[in-house]
């Protein structure tokens, strides 16, 4: 085998192991999706997930109880995962309540810690 061929095979194996192969081989973004870690996401669902996340962020910014906190919001196929730390159970409950009341949310998983 030529050195160039060995290099290409090594590169492909390395990219495959890091989850970056879709960027180089096959152009997954051009095919209507993208890879994040080991999960493939459909472009349509991704747009909906981004809309859900944006809507929840807007609700938190406009809420007197929550605007002082940084709450992480991750949305995958309509399942919203909240993370971070707040100072009261009321704030944690309010964050979940607002997320559940957002359109197209299928489920809310709270990983919000309460530290008074």
Protein backbone atom coordinates (compact mmCIF):
# COMPACT_ATOMS: atom_id res chain seq x y z
CA UNK A 1 0.00 0.00 0.00
CA UNK A 2 1.21 3.50 -0.79
CA UNK A 3 1.84 6.00 1.96
CA UNK A 4 -1.00 8.23 0.76
CA UNK A 5 -3.47 5.37 0.98
CA UNK A 6 -2.31 4.43 4.49
CA UNK A 7 -2.65 8.08 5.53
CA UNK A 8 -6.22 8.29 4.17
CA UNK A 9 -7.25 5.05 5.89
CA UNK A 10 -5.71 6.23 9.17
CA UNK A 11 -7.49 9.58 8.84
CA UNK A 12 -10.85 7.91 8.19
CA UNK A 13 -10.44 5.59 11.17
CA UNK A 14 -9.47 8.52 13.40
CA UNK A 15 -12.40 10.64 12.30
CA UNK A 16 -14.82 7.76 12.68
CA UNK A 17 -13.68 7.23 16.27
CA UNK A 18 -14.23 10.89 17.15
CA UNK A 19 -17.63 11.19 15.49
CA UNK A 20 -16.37 13.66 12.88
CA UNK A 21 -16.62 11.37 9.87
CA UNK A 22 -19.92 12.88 8.81
CA UNK A 23 -18.20 16.22 8.28
CA UNK A 24 -15.67 14.70 5.88
CA UNK A 25 -17.36 11.64 4.41
CA UNK A 26 -20.86 11.80 3.02
CA UNK A 27 -21.58 15.39 4.00
CA UNK A 28 -24.40 14.62 6.42
CA UNK A 29 -25.34 18.29 6.72
CA UNK A 30 -26.03 18.39 2.99
CA UNK A 31 -28.12 15.25 3.33
CA UNK A 32 -30.58 16.95 5.67
CA UNK A 33 -29.12 16.16 9.07
CA UNK A 34 -26.06 16.31 11.26
CA UNK A 35 -24.27 14.18 13.81
CA UNK A 36 -23.84 15.21 17.43
CA UNK A 37 -21.83 12.67 19.38
CA UNK A 38 -23.16 9.30 18.37
CA UNK A 39 -26.74 10.43 17.63
CA UNK A 40 -28.02 11.41 14.22
CA UNK A 41 -30.60 14.20 14.17
CA UNK A 42 -33.07 14.94 11.43
CA UNK A 43 -32.85 18.55 10.21
CA UNK A 44 -36.63 19.10 10.65
CA UNK A 45 -36.59 17.92 14.24
CA UNK A 46 -33.50 19.98 14.94
CA UNK A 47 -35.30 23.16 13.84
CA UNK A 48 -38.22 22.30 16.10
CA UNK A 49 -35.85 21.56 18.99
CA UNK A 50 -34.11 24.90 18.48
CA UNK A 51 -37.49 26.66 18.49
CA UNK A 52 -38.46 24.94 21.74
CA UNK A 53 -35.16 25.92 23.37
CA UNK A 54 -35.52 29.53 22.21
CA UNK A 55 -39.09 29.74 23.48
CA UNK A 56 -38.12 28.42 26.91
CA UNK A 57 -35.15 30.81 27.14
CA UNK A 58 -37.49 33.72 26.35
CA UNK A 59 -39.90 32.60 29.08
CA UNK A 60 -37.05 32.41 31.60
CA UNK A 61 -35.75 35.88 30.65
CA UNK A 62 -39.24 37.34 31.17
CA UNK A 63 -39.91 35.56 34.46
CA UNK A 64 -39.13 37.60 37.59
CA UNK A 65 -38.16 34.49 39.58
CA UNK A 66 -35.95 32.87 36.93
CA UNK A 67 -34.25 35.75 35.10
CA UNK A 68 -31.45 35.86 37.68
CA UNK A 69 -30.42 32.23 37.06
CA UNK A 70 -28.51 30.53 34.28
CA UNK A 71 -30.44 27.38 33.52
CA UNK A 72 -29.10 25.06 30.84
CA UNK A 73 -31.67 23.89 28.30
CA UNK A 74 -31.02 20.95 25.99
CA UNK A 75 -33.77 19.79 23.66
CA UNK A 76 -33.62 16.53 21.72
CA UNK A 77 -36.68 15.37 19.75
CA UNK A 78 -39.02 17.34 22.00
CA UNK A 79 -37.48 16.10 25.25
CA UNK A 80 -36.19 19.07 27.25
CA UNK A 81 -33.44 18.56 29.81
CA UNK A 82 -32.91 21.40 32.29
CA UNK A 83 -29.69 21.77 34.27
CA UNK A 84 -28.10 24.22 36.66
CA UNK A 85 -28.51 25.42 40.21
CA UNK A 86 -31.17 27.65 41.74
CA UNK A 87 -31.67 28.90 45.31
CA UNK A 88 -35.19 27.61 45.95
CA UNK A 89 -37.48 24.72 45.14
CA UNK A 90 -39.99 27.30 43.92
CA UNK A 91 -37.53 28.44 41.23
CA UNK A 92 -36.80 24.84 40.18
CA UNK A 93 -40.52 24.05 39.99
CA UNK A 94 -41.21 27.24 38.03
CA UNK A 95 -38.52 26.35 35.48
CA UNK A 96 -40.10 22.93 34.92
CA UNK A 97 -43.61 24.43 34.76
CA UNK A 98 -42.63 26.96 32.09
CA UNK A 99 -40.80 24.35 30.04
CA UNK A 100 -43.77 21.95 30.18
CA UNK A 101 -46.08 24.74 29.03
CA UNK A 102 -44.05 25.32 25.86
CA UNK A 103 -45.44 24.05 22.56
CA UNK A 104 -44.10 20.78 21.09
CA UNK A 105 -42.47 19.72 24.39
CA UNK A 106 -43.01 15.98 24.86
CA UNK A 107 -41.20 15.62 28.20
CA UNK A 108 -39.17 17.66 30.68
CA UNK A 109 -36.26 16.15 32.58
CA UNK A 110 -35.06 18.32 35.47
CA UNK A 111 -31.46 18.12 36.59
CA UNK A 112 -31.75 21.42 38.42
CA UNK A 113 -30.11 21.44 41.82
CA UNK A 114 -31.36 23.55 44.72
CA UNK A 115 -28.68 25.20 46.84
CA UNK A 116 -30.10 27.73 49.32
